[in-house]
Amino acid sequence: METERIAEAFNWTVVFLMAMPYLTLAGCLGWIVYRYTRAQKTREDRRTRLHIVRKGEC
């Protein structure tokens, strides 16, 4: 009975150790996508504001 619990614990440990690189990579890629979309939205906002300013000057 005790050996079964230890074996099960080792199995779960292996699962977590195998999953960590994928979770780390997914977190990094998610951060990059978030920053990219945020920067793109900022660029669009700046273009809109510049367009309104130029239109008002004419």
PDB file of N, CA and C in Angstrom:
ATOM      1  N   MET A   1       0.822  -1.201   0.000  1.00  0.00           N
ATOM      2  CA  MET A   1       0.000   0.000   0.000  1.00  0.00           C
ATOM      3  C   MET A   1       0.866   1.265   0.000  1.00  0.00           C
ATOM      4  N   GLU A   2       1.854   1.307   0.879  1.00  0.00           N
ATOM      5  CA  GLU A   2       2.735   2.472   0.958  1.00  0.00           C
ATOM      6  C   GLU A   2       3.551   2.631  -0.317  1.00  0.00           C
ATOM      7  N   THR A   3       3.998   1.536  -0.896  1.00  0.00           N
ATOM      8  CA  THR A   3       4.797   1.631  -2.127  1.00  0.00           C
ATOM      9  C   THR A   3       3.953   2.136  -3.290  1.00  0.00           C
ATOM     10  N   GLU A   4       2.669   1.815  -3.296  1.00  0.00           N
ATOM     11  CA  GLU A   4       1.791   2.315  -4.346  1.00  0.00           C
ATOM     12  C   GLU A   4       1.642   3.831  -4.256  1.00  0.00           C
ATOM     13  N   ARG A   5       1.526   4.335  -3.039  1.00  0.00           N
ATOM     14  CA  ARG A   5       1.413   5.788  -2.848  1.00  0.00           C
ATOM     15  C   ARG A   5       2.694   6.496  -3.274  1.00  0.00           C
ATOM     16  N   ILE A   6       3.819   5.899  -2.966  1.00  0.00           N
ATOM     17  CA  ILE A   6       5.098   6.498  -3.359  1.00  0.00           C
ATOM     18  C   ILE A   6       5.245   6.475  -4.872  1.00  0.00           C
ATOM     19  N   ALA A   7       4.860   5.364  -5.501  1.00  0.00           N
ATOM     20  CA  ALA A   7       4.943   5.266  -6.959  1.00  0.00           C
ATOM     21  C   ALA A   7       4.026   6.288  -7.618  1.00  0.00           C
ATOM     22  N   GLU A   8       2.834   6.462  -7.071  1.00  0.00           N
ATOM     23  CA  GLU A   8       1.900   7.445  -7.619  1.00  0.00           C
ATOM     24  C   GLU A   8       2.448   8.863  -7.472  1.00  0.00           C
ATOM     25  N   ALA A   9       3.087   9.133  -6.331  1.00  0.00           N
ATOM     26  CA  ALA A   9       3.681  10.450  -6.119  1.00  0.00           C
ATOM     27  C   ALA A   9       4.808  10.691  -7.123  1.00  0.00           C
ATOM     28  N   PHE A  10       5.641   9.692  -7.379  1.00  0.00           N
ATOM     29  CA  PHE A  10       6.706   9.845  -8.373  1.00  0.00           C
ATOM     30  C   PHE A  10       6.126  10.070  -9.762  1.00  0.00           C
ATOM     31  N   ASN A  11       5.052   9.382 -10.093  1.00  0.00           N
ATOM     32  CA  ASN A  11       4.421   9.577 -11.399  1.00  0.00           C
ATOM     33  C   ASN A  11       3.929  11.013 -11.561  1.00  0.00           C
ATOM     34  N   TRP A  12       3.272  11.552 -10.541  1.00  0.00           N
ATOM     35  CA  TRP A  12       2.801  12.929 -10.617  1.00  0.00           C
ATOM     36  C   TRP A  12       3.958  13.914 -10.684  1.00  0.00           C
ATOM     37  N   THR A  13       5.043  13.605  -9.977  1.00  0.00           N
ATOM     38  CA  THR A  13       6.223  14.460 -10.027  1.00  0.00           C
ATOM     39  C   THR A  13       6.784  14.521 -11.440  1.00  0.00           C
ATOM     40  N   VAL A  14       6.846  13.385 -12.088  1.00  0.00           N
ATOM     41  CA  VAL A  14       7.350  13.337 -13.462  1.00  0.00           C
ATOM     42  C   VAL A  14       6.441  14.137 -14.388  1.00  0.00           C
ATOM     43  N   VAL A  15       5.144  14.022 -14.195  1.00  0.00           N
ATOM     44  CA  VAL A  15       4.203  14.774 -15.026  1.00  0.00           C
ATOM     45  C   VAL A  15       4.429  16.275 -14.860  1.00  0.00           C
ATOM     46  N   PHE A  16       4.568  16.729 -13.621  1.00  0.00           N
ATOM     47  CA  PHE A  16       4.797  18.149 -13.392  1.00  0.00           C
ATOM     48  C   PHE A  16       6.131  18.610 -13.959  1.00  0.00           C
ATOM     49  N   LEU A  17       7.170  17.810 -13.798  1.00  0.00           N
ATOM     50  CA  LEU A  17       8.478  18.193 -14.333  1.00  0.00           C
ATOM     51  C   LEU A  17       8.466  18.246 -15.855  1.00  0.00           C
ATOM     52  N   MET A  18       7.723  17.358 -16.483  1.00  0.00           N
ATOM     53  CA  MET A  18       7.637  17.375 -17.947  1.00  0.00           C
ATOM     54  C   MET A  18       6.795  18.543 -18.441  1.00  0.00           C
ATOM     55  N   ALA A  19       5.828  18.965 -17.657  1.00  0.00           N
ATOM     56  CA  ALA A  19       4.933  20.046 -18.089  1.00  0.00           C
ATOM     57  C   ALA A  19       5.543  21.429 -17.891  1.00  0.00           C
ATOM     58  N   MET A  20       6.475  21.592 -16.975  1.00  0.00           N
ATOM     59  CA  MET A  20       7.009  22.920 -16.652  1.00  0.00           C
ATOM     60  C   MET A  20       7.653  23.636 -17.842  1.00  0.00           C
ATOM     61  N   PRO A  21       8.474  23.001 -18.668  1.00  0.00           N
ATOM     62  CA  PRO A  21       9.040  23.746 -19.806  1.00  0.00           C
ATOM     63  C   PRO A  21       7.961  24.253 -20.764  1.00  0.00           C
ATOM     64  N   TYR A  22       6.922  23.462 -20.975  1.00  0.00           N
ATOM     65  CA  TYR A  22       5.837  23.878 -21.868  1.00  0.00           C
ATOM     66  C   TYR A  22       5.051  25.037 -21.261  1.00  0.00           C
ATOM     67  N   LEU A  23       4.810  24.979 -19.962  1.00  0.00           N
ATOM     68  CA  LEU A  23       4.085  26.065 -19.303  1.00  0.00           C
ATOM     69  C   LEU A  23       4.914  27.349 -19.308  1.00  0.00           C
ATOM     70  N   THR A  24       6.211  27.222 -19.106  1.00  0.00           N
ATOM     71  CA  THR A  24       7.084  28.392 -19.153  1.00  0.00           C
ATOM     72  C   THR A  24       7.098  28.995 -20.547  1.00  0.00           C
ATOM     73  N   LEU A  25       7.232  28.164 -21.561  1.00  0.00           N
ATOM     74  CA  LEU A  25       7.227  28.642 -22.947  1.00  0.00           C
ATOM     75  C   LEU A  25       5.890  29.292 -23.293  1.00  0.00           C
ATOM     76  N   ALA A  26       4.796  28.679 -22.874  1.00  0.00           N
ATOM     77  CA  ALA A  26       3.476  29.246 -23.148  1.00  0.00           C
ATOM     78  C   ALA A  26       3.316  30.605 -22.457  1.00  0.00           C
ATOM     79  N   GLY A  27       3.829  30.734 -21.243  1.00  0.00           N
ATOM     80  CA  GLY A  27       3.760  32.011 -20.547  1.00  0.00           C
ATOM     81  C   GLY A  27       4.563  33.091 -21.255  1.00  0.00           C
ATOM     82  N   CYS A  28       5.761  32.744 -21.706  1.00  0.00           N
ATOM     83  CA  CYS A  28       6.602  33.718 -22.426  1.00  0.00           C
ATOM     84  C   CYS A  28       5.957  34.123 -23.746  1.00  0.00           C
ATOM     85  N   LEU A  29       5.444  33.166 -24.488  1.00  0.00           N
ATOM     86  CA  LEU A  29       4.794  33.494 -25.759  1.00  0.00           C
ATOM     87  C   LEU A  29       3.531  34.321 -25.545  1.00  0.00           C
ATOM     88  N   GLY A  30       2.778  34.014 -24.505  1.00  0.00           N
ATOM     89  CA  GLY A  30       1.595  34.805 -24.187  1.00  0.00           C
ATOM     90  C   GLY A  30       1.949  36.236 -23.857  1.00  0.00           C
ATOM     91  N   TRP A  31       3.038  36.443 -23.115  1.00  0.00           N
ATOM     92  CA  TRP A  31       3.492  37.787 -22.784  1.00  0.00           C
ATOM     93  C   TRP A  31       3.917  38.540 -24.043  1.00  0.00           C
ATOM     94  N   ILE A  32       4.613  37.859 -24.946  1.00  0.00           N
ATOM     95  CA  ILE A  32       5.048  38.499 -26.197  1.00  0.00           C
ATOM     96  C   ILE A  32       3.838  38.901 -27.035  1.00  0.00           C
ATOM     97  N   VAL A  33       2.858  38.024 -27.147  1.00  0.00           N
ATOM     98  CA  VAL A  33       1.647  38.345 -27.918  1.00  0.00           C
ATOM     99  C   VAL A  33       0.902  39.502 -27.272  1.00  0.00           C
ATOM    100  N   TYR A  34       0.820  39.503 -25.958  1.00  0.00           N
ATOM    101  CA  TYR A  34       0.150  40.596 -25.253  1.00  0.00           C
ATOM    102  C   TYR A  34       0.847  41.926 -25.517  1.00  0.00           C
ATOM    103  N   ARG A  35       2.159  41.951 -25.404  1.00  0.00           N
ATOM    104  CA  ARG A  35       2.909  43.182 -25.641  1.00  0.00           C
ATOM    105  C   ARG A  35       2.767  43.643 -27.094  1.00  0.00           C
ATOM    106  N   TYR A  36       2.776  42.702 -28.028  1.00  0.00           N
ATOM    107  CA  TYR A  36       2.658  43.047 -29.443  1.00  0.00           C
ATOM    108  C   TYR A  36       1.295  43.673 -29.733  1.00  0.00           C
ATOM    109  N   THR A  37       0.230  43.058 -29.250  1.00  0.00           N
ATOM    110  CA  THR A  37      -1.106  43.595 -29.505  1.00  0.00           C
ATOM    111  C   THR A  37      -1.302  44.932 -28.797  1.00  0.00           C
ATOM    112  N   ARG A  38      -0.720  45.080 -27.619  1.00  0.00           N
ATOM    113  CA  ARG A  38      -0.829  46.355 -26.900  1.00  0.00           C
ATOM    114  C   ARG A  38      -0.096  47.461 -27.649  1.00  0.00           C
ATOM    115  N   ALA A  39       1.088  47.143 -28.171  1.00  0.00           N
ATOM    116  CA  ALA A  39       1.841  48.134 -28.938  1.00  0.00           C
ATOM    117  C   ALA A  39       1.104  48.495 -30.224  1.00  0.00           C
ATOM    118  N   GLN A  40       0.488  47.506 -30.845  1.00  0.00           N
ATOM    119  CA  GLN A  40      -0.257  47.762 -32.078  1.00  0.00           C
ATOM    120  C   GLN A  40      -1.449  48.680 -31.799  1.00  0.00           C
ATOM    121  N   LYS A  41      -2.134  48.441 -30.692  1.00  0.00           N
ATOM    122  CA  LYS A  41      -3.264  49.295 -30.331  1.00  0.00           C
ATOM    123  C   LYS A  41      -2.787  50.718 -30.043  1.00  0.00           C
ATOM    124  N   THR A  42      -1.644  50.852 -29.386  1.00  0.00           N
ATOM    125  CA  THR A  42      -1.090  52.173 -29.098  1.00  0.00           C
ATOM    126  C   THR A  42      -0.750  52.900 -30.393  1.00  0.00           C
ATOM    127  N   ARG A  43      -0.166  52.177 -31.354  1.00  0.00           N
ATOM    128  CA  ARG A  43       0.158  52.789 -32.642  1.00  0.00           C
ATOM    129  C   ARG A  43      -1.103  53.259 -33.356  1.00  0.00           C
ATOM    130  N   GLU A  44      -2.166  52.459 -33.306  1.00  0.00           N
ATOM    131  CA  GLU A  44      -3.427  52.841 -33.953  1.00  0.00           C
ATOM    132  C   GLU A  44      -4.019  54.073 -33.281  1.00  0.00           C
ATOM    133  N   ASP A  45      -3.935  54.140 -31.956  1.00  0.00           N
ATOM    134  CA  ASP A  45      -4.450  55.310 -31.240  1.00  0.00           C
ATOM    135  C   ASP A  45      -3.673  56.562 -31.625  1.00  0.00           C
ATOM    136  N   ARG A  46      -2.364  56.446 -31.744  1.00  0.00           N
ATOM    137  CA  ARG A  46      -1.556  57.605 -32.124  1.00  0.00           C
ATOM    138  C   ARG A  46      -1.883  58.059 -33.539  1.00  0.00           C
ATOM    139  N   ARG A  47      -2.063  57.107 -34.443  1.00  0.00           N
ATOM    140  CA  ARG A  47      -2.415  57.465 -35.825  1.00  0.00           C
ATOM    141  C   ARG A  47      -3.753  58.178 -35.864  1.00  0.00           C
ATOM    142  N   THR A  48      -4.703  57.718 -35.099  1.00  0.00           N
ATOM    143  CA  THR A  48      -6.025  58.333 -35.074  1.00  0.00           C
ATOM    144  C   THR A  48      -5.927  59.756 -34.545  1.00  0.00           C
ATOM    145  N   ARG A  49      -5.183  59.949 -33.480  1.00  0.00           N
ATOM    146  CA  ARG A  49      -5.041  61.287 -32.920  1.00  0.00           C
ATOM    147  C   ARG A  49      -4.320  62.208 -33.897  1.00  0.00           C
ATOM    148  N   LEU A  50      -3.270  61.723 -34.554  1.00  0.00           N
ATOM    149  CA  LEU A  50      -2.554  62.554 -35.513  1.00  0.00           C
ATOM    150  C   LEU A  50      -3.445  62.908 -36.698  1.00  0.00           C
ATOM    151  N   HIS A  51      -4.264  61.962 -37.115  1.00  0.00           N
ATOM    152  CA  HIS A  51      -5.149  62.207 -38.240  1.00  0.00           C
ATOM    153  C   HIS A  51      -6.169  63.303 -37.884  1.00  0.00           C
ATOM    154  N   ILE A  52      -6.699  63.250 -36.681  1.00  0.00           N
ATOM    155  CA  ILE A  52      -7.665  64.251 -36.252  1.00  0.00           C
ATOM    156  C   ILE A  52      -6.989  65.631 -36.168  1.00  0.00           C
ATOM    157  N   VAL A  53      -5.778  65.687 -35.665  1.00  0.00           N
ATOM    158  CA  VAL A  53      -5.068  66.952 -35.546  1.00  0.00           C
ATOM    159  C   VAL A  53      -4.791  67.518 -36.925  1.00  0.00           C
ATOM    160  N   ARG A  54      -4.338  66.711 -37.855  1.00  0.00           N
ATOM    161  CA  ARG A  54      -4.040  67.194 -39.195  1.00  0.00           C
ATOM    162  C   ARG A  54      -5.312  67.665 -39.899  1.00  0.00           C
ATOM    163  N   LYS A  55      -6.385  66.955 -39.682  1.00  0.00           N
ATOM    164  CA  LYS A  55      -7.630  67.314 -40.325  1.00  0.00           C
ATOM    165  C   LYS A  55      -8.118  68.668 -39.820  1.00  0.00           C
ATOM    166  N   GLY A  56      -7.941  68.954 -38.539  1.00  0.00           N
ATOM    167  CA  GLY A  56      -8.374  70.212 -37.958  1.00  0.00           C
ATOM    168  C   GLY A  56      -7.504  71.387 -38.383  1.00  0.00           C
ATOM    169  N   GLU A  57      -6.253  71.136 -38.750  1.00  0.00           N
ATOM    170  CA  GLU A  57      -5.349  72.209 -39.134  1.00  0.00           C
ATOM    171  C   GLU A  57      -5.645  72.716 -40.554  1.00  0.00           C
ATOM    172  N   CYS A  58      -6.197  71.874 -41.388  1.00  0.00           N
ATOM    173  CA  CYS A  58      -6.425  72.256 -42.797  1.00  0.00           C
ATOM    174  C   CYS A  58      -7.556  73.231 -42.941  1.00  0.00           C
TER     175      CYS A  58
END
